[in-house]
Protein backbone atom coordinates (compact mmCIF):
# COMPACT_ATOMS: atom_id res chain seq x y z
CA MET A 1 -6.39 13.99 0.58
CA ARG A 2 -6.16 10.21 0.42
CA ARG A 3 -6.91 7.76 3.19
CA ILE A 4 -3.86 5.68 2.25
CA ARG A 5 -0.62 7.38 1.27
CA LYS A 6 2.84 6.46 0.05
CA GLY A 7 4.92 5.02 2.89
CA ASP A 8 1.97 3.72 4.95
CA ASP A 9 2.04 0.22 6.42
CA VAL A 10 -0.94 -1.71 5.06
CA ILE A 11 -2.45 -5.19 5.29
CA ILE A 12 -4.11 -7.00 2.39
CA ILE A 13 -7.74 -7.81 3.26
CA THR A 14 -8.80 -9.81 0.18
CA GLY A 15 -7.26 -11.79 -2.65
CA LYS A 16 -4.45 -14.30 -2.97
CA ASP A 17 -2.17 -12.33 -0.62
CA LYS A 18 -4.79 -11.92 2.15
CA GLY A 19 -3.19 -11.27 5.54
CA LYS A 20 0.19 -10.19 4.18
CA ARG A 21 1.65 -6.84 5.19
CA GLY A 22 3.75 -4.34 3.34
CA LYS A 23 4.58 -0.73 2.71
CA VAL A 24 2.95 1.35 -0.02
CA VAL A 25 5.63 2.09 -2.63
CA GLN A 26 3.66 4.16 -5.13
CA PHE A 27 0.25 4.94 -6.58
CA SER A 28 -0.53 3.98 -10.15
CA ARG A 29 -3.60 5.69 -11.53
CA ASN A 30 -6.19 6.83 -9.01
CA ASP A 31 -7.44 3.53 -7.66
CA ARG A 32 -4.38 1.26 -7.50
CA VAL A 33 -1.40 1.02 -5.16
CA LEU A 34 1.90 -0.81 -5.42
CA VAL A 35 2.78 -2.61 -2.18
CA GLU A 36 6.25 -4.08 -1.71
CA ASN A 37 6.43 -7.89 -2.03
CA ILE A 38 2.67 -8.16 -2.65
CA ASN A 39 0.89 -9.42 -5.80
CA LEU A 40 4.06 -10.86 -7.33
CA VAL A 41 3.76 -12.20 -10.88
CA LYS A 42 6.20 -13.97 -13.18
CA ARG A 43 7.54 -11.74 -15.94
CA HIS A 44 9.32 -13.38 -18.86
CA THR A 45 12.00 -10.99 -20.09
CA LYS A 46 14.27 -11.20 -23.06
CA GLY A 47 17.94 -10.43 -22.47
CA ASN A 48 19.63 -7.42 -24.03
CA PRO A 49 23.43 -7.60 -24.21
CA MET A 50 23.65 -3.96 -25.29
CA LYS A 51 22.10 -2.82 -22.00
CA GLY A 52 23.74 -5.58 -19.99
CA THR A 53 20.46 -7.13 -18.84
CA GLN A 54 20.03 -10.85 -18.49
CA GLY A 55 16.90 -12.63 -19.70
CA GLY A 56 14.79 -15.09 -17.76
CA ILE A 57 11.77 -15.31 -15.51
CA LEU A 58 11.62 -12.49 -12.97
CA ASP A 59 9.22 -11.78 -10.10
CA LYS A 60 7.54 -8.40 -10.50
CA GLU A 61 5.19 -6.49 -8.19
CA MET A 62 1.90 -5.48 -9.76
CA PRO A 63 -0.57 -2.86 -8.51
CA ILE A 64 -3.51 -3.90 -6.33
CA HIS A 65 -6.83 -2.09 -5.98
CA ILE A 66 -6.94 0.35 -3.08
CA SER A 67 -10.15 -1.22 -1.76
CA ASN A 68 -8.24 -4.44 -1.06
CA VAL A 69 -5.82 -2.85 1.40
CA ALA A 70 -6.35 -1.40 4.87
CA LEU A 71 -4.13 0.75 7.04
CA ILE A 72 -2.53 -0.97 10.06
CA ASN A 73 -3.19 0.64 13.44
CA SER A 74 0.16 0.55 15.27
CA THR A 75 -1.39 0.38 18.76
CA THR A 76 -3.75 -2.55 18.08
CA ASP A 77 -1.63 -4.07 15.28
CA LYS A 78 -4.80 -4.71 13.23
CA ALA A 79 -6.46 -3.27 10.15
CA ASP A 80 -8.45 -0.12 10.84
CA LYS A 81 -10.71 2.35 9.05
CA VAL A 82 -9.46 5.88 8.45
CA GLY A 83 -11.38 9.13 8.75
CA PHE A 84 -10.66 12.83 8.44
CA LYS A 85 -11.12 15.62 10.94
CA PHE A 86 -10.01 19.19 11.46
CA LEU A 87 -7.90 20.17 14.46
CA GLU A 88 -8.34 23.40 16.44
CA ASP A 89 -5.72 25.17 14.32
CA GLY A 90 -7.64 24.28 11.13
CA THR A 91 -5.34 21.55 9.78
CA LYS A 92 -6.96 18.49 8.25
CA VAL A 93 -5.59 15.19 9.61
CA ARG A 94 -6.27 11.48 9.25
CA TYR A 95 -7.35 9.47 12.29
CA PHE A 96 -8.21 5.87 13.17
CA LYS A 97 -11.95 5.43 13.63
CA SER A 98 -11.63 2.71 16.30
CA ASN A 99 -9.75 4.75 18.91
CA GLY A 100 -9.66 8.30 17.49
CA GLU A 101 -5.85 8.38 17.39
CA VAL A 102 -4.39 10.86 14.89
CA ILE A 103 -2.13 9.29 12.26
CA ALA A 104 1.34 10.83 12.21
CA ASP A 105 2.26 11.91 8.69
């Protein structure tokens, strides 16, 4: 079970995009996440008339290391650490360490 999952709202805590917020789009490899509109780079693409694509310079999202993002606590609206605990019925859930609130999945 991962501390950060696809669809979570995260904040960037280090790097050139520090302080920006976004939603996790996908995981690439084990230690990198793709966050929407974060870590944009210029990609020079060549056009292909057979496929109908136009060439030029495009902005592309690149993966960022998972240690550089933190989950946003919706009640405090700040970055927060995530832990795991078991409920009475035996299900494993994520929770915010600052206030003990269970994260809805």
